[in-house]
Amino acid sequence: MATKLKSIEGTLTELYSLQLIDSKIDQIEILKGALPIEVKDLEDEIVGLETRLEKTTGSLDEVKNRIAQHKANIKESEQLIERYEKQLEEVKNNREYDALTKEIELQKLEIQLSEKKIREADKIKEVKSDIKKAASEKIDQKKKDLEDKKVELEKILSKTNKEEASLIKASKAEQKNVEERLLASYQRIRERYRNGLAVVTIKREACGGCFARIPPQVRIEIGQRKQVVACEHCGRVLIDDELANKIADKGSKKKK
């Protein structure tokens, strides 16, 4: 009986030890997996912002060109008015006078129209200039964020690559200790759930994986360690806190 008890406890120890190692690998993968996505998202966002900035700059340049053209039109109209007014001094009849007067009035109207268009364009220019400034500032901030994320990712990679390789090696070594049938079941359960937990403790009288309530009699059986007990709801292997803590403490001491 003692041998059987030891065998079951040994099996549970091997499974939970493997779970602790694999969970650490999962944490590294999650940490590594999030940052590259964030870096890629920032890079894409910056490209989008730069495209919008380019369009805004092009639109702003068009407005500036229109303003310059209207100012050129005003200058041209003022020169024409000046020439027509000089010609008025030399007119020989009323018909010439009236024609020149009409031309002067027409040019004055052209000036007024151009001045109106300049005022309208100035308002548009002001709005687009504000948009351009805000976009430039946002791009600068995003580039700073991107640089910070890249530095952070590089630090994590340099720190975790060695640790991850060591954990993967430890996981493979631990897998050799687990019965083939149980190992296959363990791996299937890990693949089934996002958090990768196949061996869990009981928390507040419930499964530490799916949180379904564990009946008192089943909790007693788990504590006795006479058989491998799985949660009837999620299929995860259940172990008692005492054994889990003992395995975790042993792992900590071994690490030191």
C-alpha atoms as a PDB file:
ATOM      1  CA  MET A   1       0.000   0.000   0.000  1.00  0.00           C
ATOM      2  CA  ALA A   2       2.813   2.368   0.886  1.00  0.00           C
ATOM      3  CA  THR A   3       4.449   1.715  -2.475  1.00  0.00           C
ATOM      4  CA  LYS A   4       1.198   2.432  -4.321  1.00  0.00           C
ATOM      5  CA  LEU A   5       0.687   5.660  -2.390  1.00  0.00           C
ATOM      6  CA  LYS A   6       4.207   6.721  -3.183  1.00  0.00           C
ATOM      7  CA  SER A   7       3.698   5.843  -6.838  1.00  0.00           C
ATOM      8  CA  ILE A   8       0.553   8.000  -7.149  1.00  0.00           C
ATOM      9  CA  GLU A   9       2.155  10.839  -5.240  1.00  0.00           C
ATOM     10  CA  GLY A  10       5.219  10.476  -7.441  1.00  0.00           C
ATOM     11  CA  THR A  11       3.064  10.614 -10.570  1.00  0.00           C
ATOM     12  CA  LEU A  12       1.262  13.725  -9.334  1.00  0.00           C
ATOM     13  CA  THR A  13       4.598  15.274  -8.397  1.00  0.00           C
ATOM     14  CA  GLU A  14       5.979  14.643 -11.870  1.00  0.00           C
ATOM     15  CA  LEU A  15       2.872  16.042 -13.563  1.00  0.00           C
ATOM     16  CA  TYR A  16       2.711  19.164 -11.402  1.00  0.00           C
ATOM     17  CA  SER A  17       6.470  19.752 -11.688  1.00  0.00           C
ATOM     18  CA  LEU A  18       6.070  19.579 -15.461  1.00  0.00           C
ATOM     19  CA  GLN A  19       3.114  21.963 -15.265  1.00  0.00           C
ATOM     20  CA  LEU A  20       5.137  24.509 -13.261  1.00  0.00           C
ATOM     21  CA  ILE A  21       7.923  24.438 -15.840  1.00  0.00           C
ATOM     22  CA  ASP A  22       5.563  24.650 -18.809  1.00  0.00           C
ATOM     23  CA  SER A  23       3.629  27.499 -17.172  1.00  0.00           C
ATOM     24  CA  LYS A  24       6.866  29.485 -16.897  1.00  0.00           C
ATOM     25  CA  ILE A  25       7.511  28.860 -20.596  1.00  0.00           C
ATOM     26  CA  ASP A  26       3.950  30.004 -21.326  1.00  0.00           C
ATOM     27  CA  GLN A  27       4.525  33.220 -19.365  1.00  0.00           C
ATOM     28  CA  ILE A  28       7.652  33.981 -21.374  1.00  0.00           C
ATOM     29  CA  GLU A  29       5.791  33.305 -24.621  1.00  0.00           C
ATOM     30  CA  ILE A  30       2.971  35.603 -23.552  1.00  0.00           C
ATOM     31  CA  LEU A  31       5.459  38.310 -22.619  1.00  0.00           C
ATOM     32  CA  LYS A  32       7.355  37.930 -25.868  1.00  0.00           C
ATOM     33  CA  GLY A  33       4.180  37.546 -27.879  1.00  0.00           C
ATOM     34  CA  ALA A  34       2.570  40.782 -26.701  1.00  0.00           C
ATOM     35  CA  LEU A  35       5.469  43.128 -27.367  1.00  0.00           C
ATOM     36  CA  PRO A  36       6.156  42.173 -31.010  1.00  0.00           C
ATOM     37  CA  ILE A  37       2.452  42.703 -31.734  1.00  0.00           C
ATOM     38  CA  GLU A  38       2.575  46.096 -30.015  1.00  0.00           C
ATOM     39  CA  VAL A  39       5.688  47.017 -32.005  1.00  0.00           C
ATOM     40  CA  LYS A  40       4.021  45.969 -35.280  1.00  0.00           C
ATOM     41  CA  ASP A  41       0.831  47.876 -34.400  1.00  0.00           C
ATOM     42  CA  LEU A  42       2.844  51.022 -33.645  1.00  0.00           C
ATOM     43  CA  GLU A  43       4.781  50.699 -36.902  1.00  0.00           C
ATOM     44  CA  ASP A  44       1.524  50.346 -38.859  1.00  0.00           C
ATOM     45  CA  GLU A  45      -0.030  53.277 -36.998  1.00  0.00           C
ATOM     46  CA  ILE A  46       2.970  55.485 -37.766  1.00  0.00           C
ATOM     47  CA  VAL A  47       2.761  54.586 -41.467  1.00  0.00           C
ATOM     48  CA  GLY A  48      -0.936  55.531 -41.456  1.00  0.00           C
ATOM     49  CA  LEU A  49      -0.268  58.805 -39.640  1.00  0.00           C
ATOM     50  CA  GLU A  50       2.565  59.691 -42.022  1.00  0.00           C
ATOM     51  CA  THR A  51       0.312  59.002 -45.011  1.00  0.00           C
ATOM     52  CA  ARG A  52      -2.346  61.322 -43.551  1.00  0.00           C
ATOM     53  CA  LEU A  53       0.305  63.932 -42.761  1.00  0.00           C
ATOM     54  CA  GLU A  54       1.546  63.757 -46.337  1.00  0.00           C
ATOM     55  CA  LYS A  55      -1.991  64.290 -47.662  1.00  0.00           C
ATOM     56  CA  THR A  56      -2.571  67.174 -45.239  1.00  0.00           C
ATOM     57  CA  THR A  57       0.734  68.763 -46.255  1.00  0.00           C
ATOM     58  CA  GLY A  58      -0.208  68.422 -49.930  1.00  0.00           C
ATOM     59  CA  SER A  59      -3.631  69.936 -49.277  1.00  0.00           C
ATOM     60  CA  LEU A  60      -2.043  72.763 -47.271  1.00  0.00           C
ATOM     61  CA  ASP A  61       0.374  73.486 -50.102  1.00  0.00           C
ATOM     62  CA  GLU A  62      -2.567  73.701 -52.517  1.00  0.00           C
ATOM     63  CA  VAL A  63      -4.268  76.260 -50.245  1.00  0.00           C
ATOM     64  CA  LYS A  64      -1.043  78.296 -50.031  1.00  0.00           C
ATOM     65  CA  ASN A  65      -0.727  78.186 -53.815  1.00  0.00           C
ATOM     66  CA  ARG A  66      -4.312  79.428 -54.181  1.00  0.00           C
ATOM     67  CA  ILE A  67      -3.610  82.302 -51.778  1.00  0.00           C
ATOM     68  CA  ALA A  68      -0.465  83.183 -53.734  1.00  0.00           C
ATOM     69  CA  GLN A  69      -2.457  83.093 -56.979  1.00  0.00           C
ATOM     70  CA  HIS A  70      -5.172  85.351 -55.565  1.00  0.00           C
ATOM     71  CA  LYS A  71      -2.519  87.809 -54.373  1.00  0.00           C
ATOM     72  CA  ALA A  72      -0.977  87.751 -57.841  1.00  0.00           C
ATOM     73  CA  ASN A  73      -4.434  88.437 -59.300  1.00  0.00           C
ATOM     74  CA  ILE A  74      -4.857  91.416 -56.960  1.00  0.00           C
ATOM     75  CA  LYS A  75      -1.474  92.811 -57.971  1.00  0.00           C
ATOM     76  CA  GLU A  76      -2.331  92.362 -61.636  1.00  0.00           C
ATOM     77  CA  SER A  77      -5.718  94.080 -61.147  1.00  0.00           C
ATOM     78  CA  GLU A  78      -4.045  96.977 -59.282  1.00  0.00           C
ATOM     79  CA  GLN A  79      -1.585  97.413 -62.157  1.00  0.00           C
ATOM     80  CA  LEU A  80      -4.455  97.399 -64.666  1.00  0.00           C
ATOM     81  CA  ILE A  81      -6.383  99.947 -62.604  1.00  0.00           C
ATOM     82  CA  GLU A  82      -3.305 102.170 -62.461  1.00  0.00           C
ATOM     83  CA  ARG A  83      -2.900 101.907 -66.251  1.00  0.00           C
ATOM     84  CA  TYR A  84      -6.593 102.558 -66.943  1.00  0.00           C
ATOM     85  CA  GLU A  85      -6.600 105.592 -64.664  1.00  0.00           C
ATOM     86  CA  LYS A  86      -3.674 107.052 -66.595  1.00  0.00           C
ATOM     87  CA  GLN A  87      -5.537 106.372 -69.834  1.00  0.00           C
ATOM     88  CA  LEU A  88      -8.546 108.251 -68.457  1.00  0.00           C
ATOM     89  CA  GLU A  89      -6.481 111.407 -68.561  1.00  0.00           C
ATOM     90  CA  GLU A  90      -6.065 111.016 -72.296  1.00  0.00           C
ATOM     91  CA  VAL A  91      -9.593 109.975 -73.363  1.00  0.00           C
ATOM     92  CA  LYS A  92     -11.102 111.878 -76.292  1.00  0.00           C
ATOM     93  CA  ASN A  93     -14.780 110.976 -75.914  1.00  0.00           C
ATOM     94  CA  ASN A  94     -17.369 109.668 -73.499  1.00  0.00           C
ATOM     95  CA  ARG A  95     -17.382 106.203 -75.013  1.00  0.00           C
ATOM     96  CA  GLU A  96     -13.695 105.662 -74.204  1.00  0.00           C
ATOM     97  CA  TYR A  97     -14.241 107.154 -70.756  1.00  0.00           C
ATOM     98  CA  ASP A  98     -17.139 104.821 -70.008  1.00  0.00           C
ATOM     99  CA  ALA A  99     -15.229 101.771 -71.284  1.00  0.00           C
ATOM    100  CA  LEU A 100     -12.207 102.548 -69.120  1.00  0.00           C
ATOM    101  CA  THR A 101     -14.412 103.291 -66.111  1.00  0.00           C
ATOM    102  CA  LYS A 102     -16.138  99.925 -66.511  1.00  0.00           C
ATOM    103  CA  GLU A 103     -12.756  98.168 -66.731  1.00  0.00           C
ATOM    104  CA  ILE A 104     -11.613  99.893 -63.549  1.00  0.00           C
ATOM    105  CA  GLU A 105     -14.808  98.834 -61.735  1.00  0.00           C
ATOM    106  CA  LEU A 106     -14.406  95.310 -63.046  1.00  0.00           C
ATOM    107  CA  GLN A 107     -10.848  95.112 -61.733  1.00  0.00           C
ATOM    108  CA  LYS A 108     -11.948  96.469 -58.366  1.00  0.00           C
ATOM    109  CA  LEU A 109     -14.569  93.722 -58.201  1.00  0.00           C
ATOM    110  CA  GLU A 110     -11.857  91.195 -59.091  1.00  0.00           C
ATOM    111  CA  ILE A 111      -9.762  92.528 -56.215  1.00  0.00           C
ATOM    112  CA  GLN A 112     -12.687  92.244 -53.800  1.00  0.00           C
ATOM    113  CA  LEU A 113     -13.385  88.686 -54.943  1.00  0.00           C
ATOM    114  CA  SER A 114      -9.735  87.693 -54.591  1.00  0.00           C
ATOM    115  CA  GLU A 115      -9.569  89.273 -51.119  1.00  0.00           C
ATOM    116  CA  LYS A 116     -12.665  87.306 -50.089  1.00  0.00           C
ATOM    117  CA  LYS A 117     -11.154  84.076 -51.389  1.00  0.00           C
ATOM    118  CA  ILE A 118      -7.904  84.841 -49.547  1.00  0.00           C
ATOM    119  CA  ARG A 119      -9.798  85.286 -46.264  1.00  0.00           C
ATOM    120  CA  GLU A 120     -11.599  81.980 -46.814  1.00  0.00           C
ATOM    121  CA  ALA A 121      -8.353  80.247 -47.751  1.00  0.00           C
ATOM    122  CA  ASP A 122      -6.587  81.705 -44.710  1.00  0.00           C
ATOM    123  CA  LYS A 123      -9.168  80.060 -42.442  1.00  0.00           C
ATOM    124  CA  ILE A 124      -8.703  76.736 -44.217  1.00  0.00           C
ATOM    125  CA  LYS A 125      -4.922  77.153 -43.999  1.00  0.00           C
ATOM    126  CA  GLU A 126      -5.153  77.780 -40.262  1.00  0.00           C
ATOM    127  CA  VAL A 127      -7.226  74.630 -39.695  1.00  0.00           C
ATOM    128  CA  LYS A 128      -4.971  72.468 -41.874  1.00  0.00           C
ATOM    129  CA  SER A 129      -1.858  73.908 -40.216  1.00  0.00           C
ATOM    130  CA  ASP A 130      -3.252  72.922 -36.800  1.00  0.00           C
ATOM    131  CA  ILE A 131      -4.046  69.428 -38.120  1.00  0.00           C
ATOM    132  CA  LYS A 132      -0.537  69.134 -39.563  1.00  0.00           C
ATOM    133  CA  LYS A 133       1.060  70.276 -36.299  1.00  0.00           C
ATOM    134  CA  ALA A 134      -1.030  67.848 -34.225  1.00  0.00           C
ATOM    135  CA  ALA A 135      -0.265  64.993 -36.633  1.00  0.00           C
ATOM    136  CA  SER A 136       3.474  65.745 -36.528  1.00  0.00           C
ATOM    137  CA  GLU A 137       3.454  65.818 -32.736  1.00  0.00           C
ATOM    138  CA  LYS A 138       1.496  62.553 -32.618  1.00  0.00           C
ATOM    139  CA  ILE A 139       3.942  60.884 -35.009  1.00  0.00           C
ATOM    140  CA  ASP A 140       6.887  62.056 -32.898  1.00  0.00           C
ATOM    141  CA  GLN A 141       5.241  60.622 -29.777  1.00  0.00           C
ATOM    142  CA  LYS A 142       4.405  57.334 -31.503  1.00  0.00           C
ATOM    143  CA  LYS A 143       7.986  57.043 -32.759  1.00  0.00           C
ATOM    144  CA  LYS A 144       9.229  57.586 -29.226  1.00  0.00           C
ATOM    145  CA  ASP A 145       6.801  54.925 -27.968  1.00  0.00           C
ATOM    146  CA  LEU A 146       7.982  52.592 -30.726  1.00  0.00           C
ATOM    147  CA  GLU A 147      11.616  53.097 -29.794  1.00  0.00           C
ATOM    148  CA  ASP A 148      10.804  52.438 -26.128  1.00  0.00           C
ATOM    149  CA  LYS A 149       8.907  49.254 -27.051  1.00  0.00           C
ATOM    150  CA  LYS A 150      11.781  48.038 -29.223  1.00  0.00           C
ATOM    151  CA  VAL A 151      14.265  48.634 -26.419  1.00  0.00           C
ATOM    152  CA  GLU A 152      11.941  46.836 -23.987  1.00  0.00           C
ATOM    153  CA  LEU A 153      11.519  43.919 -26.385  1.00  0.00           C
ATOM    154  CA  GLU A 154      15.257  43.653 -26.922  1.00  0.00           C
ATOM    155  CA  LYS A 155      15.825  43.583 -23.166  1.00  0.00           C
ATOM    156  CA  ILE A 156      13.202  40.865 -22.715  1.00  0.00           C
ATOM    157  CA  LEU A 157      14.604  38.780 -25.552  1.00  0.00           C
ATOM    158  CA  SER A 158      18.150  39.051 -24.258  1.00  0.00           C
ATOM    159  CA  LYS A 159      16.945  38.172 -20.761  1.00  0.00           C
ATOM    160  CA  THR A 160      14.457  35.427 -21.585  1.00  0.00           C
ATOM    161  CA  ASN A 161      16.068  33.579 -24.491  1.00  0.00           C
ATOM    162  CA  LYS A 162      18.554  31.845 -22.199  1.00  0.00           C
ATOM    163  CA  GLU A 163      15.913  31.209 -19.521  1.00  0.00           C
ATOM    164  CA  GLU A 164      13.439  29.868 -22.068  1.00  0.00           C
ATOM    165  CA  ALA A 165      15.997  27.496 -23.558  1.00  0.00           C
ATOM    166  CA  SER A 166      16.812  26.211 -20.063  1.00  0.00           C
ATOM    167  CA  LEU A 167      13.110  25.718 -19.241  1.00  0.00           C
ATOM    168  CA  ILE A 168      12.439  23.893 -22.512  1.00  0.00           C
ATOM    169  CA  LYS A 169      15.327  21.572 -21.727  1.00  0.00           C
ATOM    170  CA  ALA A 170      13.963  21.014 -18.203  1.00  0.00           C
ATOM    171  CA  SER A 171      10.470  20.364 -19.579  1.00  0.00           C
ATOM    172  CA  LYS A 172      11.744  17.709 -21.982  1.00  0.00           C
ATOM    173  CA  ALA A 173      13.685  16.062 -19.163  1.00  0.00           C
ATOM    174  CA  GLU A 174      10.609  16.070 -16.896  1.00  0.00           C
ATOM    175  CA  GLN A 175       8.416  14.642 -19.663  1.00  0.00           C
ATOM    176  CA  LYS A 176      10.615  11.529 -19.701  1.00  0.00           C
ATOM    177  CA  ASN A 177       9.574  10.858 -16.097  1.00  0.00           C
ATOM    178  CA  VAL A 178       5.836  10.937 -16.890  1.00  0.00           C
ATOM    179  CA  GLU A 179       3.968   7.829 -18.050  1.00  0.00           C
ATOM    180  CA  GLU A 180       3.355   8.053 -21.799  1.00  0.00           C
ATOM    181  CA  ARG A 181      -0.442   7.750 -21.482  1.00  0.00           C
ATOM    182  CA  LEU A 182      -0.616  10.497 -18.846  1.00  0.00           C
ATOM    183  CA  LEU A 183       1.780  12.708 -20.801  1.00  0.00           C
ATOM    184  CA  ALA A 184      -0.385  12.461 -23.921  1.00  0.00           C
ATOM    185  CA  SER A 185      -3.477  13.353 -21.869  1.00  0.00           C
ATOM    186  CA  TYR A 186      -1.591  16.222 -20.189  1.00  0.00           C
ATOM    187  CA  GLN A 187      -0.548  17.679 -23.555  1.00  0.00           C
ATOM    188  CA  ARG A 188      -4.073  17.367 -24.988  1.00  0.00           C
ATOM    189  CA  ILE A 189      -5.520  19.269 -22.018  1.00  0.00           C
ATOM    190  CA  ARG A 190      -2.844  21.972 -22.293  1.00  0.00           C
ATOM    191  CA  GLU A 191      -3.673  22.475 -25.964  1.00  0.00           C
ATOM    192  CA  ARG A 192      -7.394  22.636 -25.190  1.00  0.00           C
ATOM    193  CA  TYR A 193      -7.184  25.601 -22.833  1.00  0.00           C
ATOM    194  CA  ARG A 194      -5.735  29.029 -23.515  1.00  0.00           C
ATOM    195  CA  ASN A 195      -3.971  29.258 -20.164  1.00  0.00           C
ATOM    196  CA  GLY A 196      -2.221  25.909 -20.754  1.00  0.00           C
ATOM    197  CA  LEU A 197      -3.184  24.533 -17.338  1.00  0.00           C
ATOM    198  CA  ALA A 198      -3.559  20.759 -17.240  1.00  0.00           C
ATOM    199  CA  VAL A 199      -2.709  20.185 -13.561  1.00  0.00           C
ATOM    200  CA  VAL A 200      -4.291  22.494 -10.985  1.00  0.00           C
ATOM    201  CA  THR A 201      -4.893  22.809  -7.262  1.00  0.00           C
ATOM    202  CA  ILE A 202      -8.241  23.205  -5.520  1.00  0.00           C
ATOM    203  CA  LYS A 203      -9.053  26.817  -4.751  1.00  0.00           C
ATOM    204  CA  ARG A 204     -11.927  27.670  -2.417  1.00  0.00           C
ATOM    205  CA  GLU A 205     -13.351  24.169  -2.791  1.00  0.00           C
ATOM    206  CA  ALA A 206     -13.347  24.527  -6.581  1.00  0.00           C
ATOM    207  CA  CYS A 207     -11.230  23.430  -9.533  1.00  0.00           C
ATOM    208  CA  GLY A 208      -8.349  25.863 -10.050  1.00  0.00           C
ATOM    209  CA  GLY A 209      -8.871  25.613 -13.805  1.00  0.00           C
ATOM    210  CA  CYS A 210     -12.618  25.861 -14.518  1.00  0.00           C
ATOM    211  CA  PHE A 211     -13.720  26.911 -10.991  1.00  0.00           C
ATOM    212  CA  ALA A 212     -16.412  24.227 -10.862  1.00  0.00           C
ATOM    213  CA  ARG A 213     -17.171  23.142  -7.285  1.00  0.00           C
ATOM    214  CA  ILE A 214     -15.451  19.942  -6.144  1.00  0.00           C
ATOM    215  CA  PRO A 215     -17.601  17.741  -3.865  1.00  0.00           C
ATOM    216  CA  PRO A 216     -16.218  17.132  -0.319  1.00  0.00           C
ATOM    217  CA  GLN A 217     -15.715  13.393  -0.878  1.00  0.00           C
ATOM    218  CA  VAL A 218     -13.685  14.054  -4.041  1.00  0.00           C
ATOM    219  CA  ARG A 219     -11.552  16.609  -2.183  1.00  0.00           C
ATOM    220  CA  ILE A 220     -10.818  13.946   0.453  1.00  0.00           C
ATOM    221  CA  GLU A 221      -9.814  11.464  -2.275  1.00  0.00           C
ATOM    222  CA  ILE A 222      -7.493  14.054  -3.804  1.00  0.00           C
ATOM    223  CA  GLY A 223      -5.875  14.652  -0.424  1.00  0.00           C
ATOM    224  CA  GLN A 224      -5.352  10.930   0.100  1.00  0.00           C
ATOM    225  CA  ARG A 225      -3.404  10.674  -3.187  1.00  0.00           C
ATOM    226  CA  LYS A 226      -4.487   7.103  -3.811  1.00  0.00           C
ATOM    227  CA  GLN A 227      -5.415   7.780  -7.424  1.00  0.00           C
ATOM    228  CA  VAL A 228      -5.074  10.456 -10.080  1.00  0.00           C
ATOM    229  CA  VAL A 229      -8.300  12.493  -9.916  1.00  0.00           C
ATOM    230  CA  ALA A 230      -9.469  14.675 -12.797  1.00  0.00           C
ATOM    231  CA  CYS A 231     -12.076  17.428 -12.692  1.00  0.00           C
ATOM    232  CA  GLU A 232     -15.306  15.994 -14.073  1.00  0.00           C
ATOM    233  CA  HIS A 233     -16.080  19.326 -15.769  1.00  0.00           C
ATOM    234  CA  CYS A 234     -12.807  20.268 -17.520  1.00  0.00           C
ATOM    235  CA  GLY A 235     -10.691  17.123 -17.289  1.00  0.00           C
ATOM    236  CA  ARG A 236      -7.752  18.804 -15.555  1.00  0.00           C
ATOM    237  CA  VAL A 237      -5.760  16.758 -13.050  1.00  0.00           C
ATOM    238  CA  LEU A 238      -6.388  17.928  -9.475  1.00  0.00           C
ATOM    239  CA  ILE A 239      -3.846  17.920  -6.637  1.00  0.00           C
ATOM    240  CA  ASP A 240      -4.068  19.105  -3.060  1.00  0.00           C
ATOM    241  CA  ASP A 241      -2.441  22.322  -1.830  1.00  0.00           C
ATOM    242  CA  GLU A 242      -0.072  20.536   0.544  1.00  0.00           C
ATOM    243  CA  LEU A 243       1.523  18.533  -2.246  1.00  0.00           C
ATOM    244  CA  ALA A 244       1.538  21.522  -4.602  1.00  0.00           C
ATOM    245  CA  ASN A 245       3.318  23.680  -2.034  1.00  0.00           C
ATOM    246  CA  LYS A 246       5.844  20.936  -1.342  1.00  0.00           C
ATOM    247  CA  ILE A 247       6.611  20.599  -5.068  1.00  0.00           C
ATOM    248  CA  ALA A 248       6.858  24.365  -5.508  1.00  0.00           C
ATOM    249  CA  ASP A 249       9.198  24.699  -2.490  1.00  0.00           C
ATOM    250  CA  LYS A 250      11.356  21.878  -3.774  1.00  0.00           C
ATOM    251  CA  GLY A 251      11.542  23.584  -7.171  1.00  0.00           C
ATOM    252  CA  SER A 252      12.552  26.900  -5.557  1.00  0.00           C
ATOM    253  CA  LYS A 253      15.318  25.268  -3.539  1.00  0.00           C
ATOM    254  CA  LYS A 254      16.580  23.432  -6.596  1.00  0.00           C
ATOM    255  CA  LYS A 255      16.679  26.727  -8.518  1.00  0.00           C
ATOM    256  CA  LYS A 256      18.764  28.365  -5.819  1.00  0.00           C
END
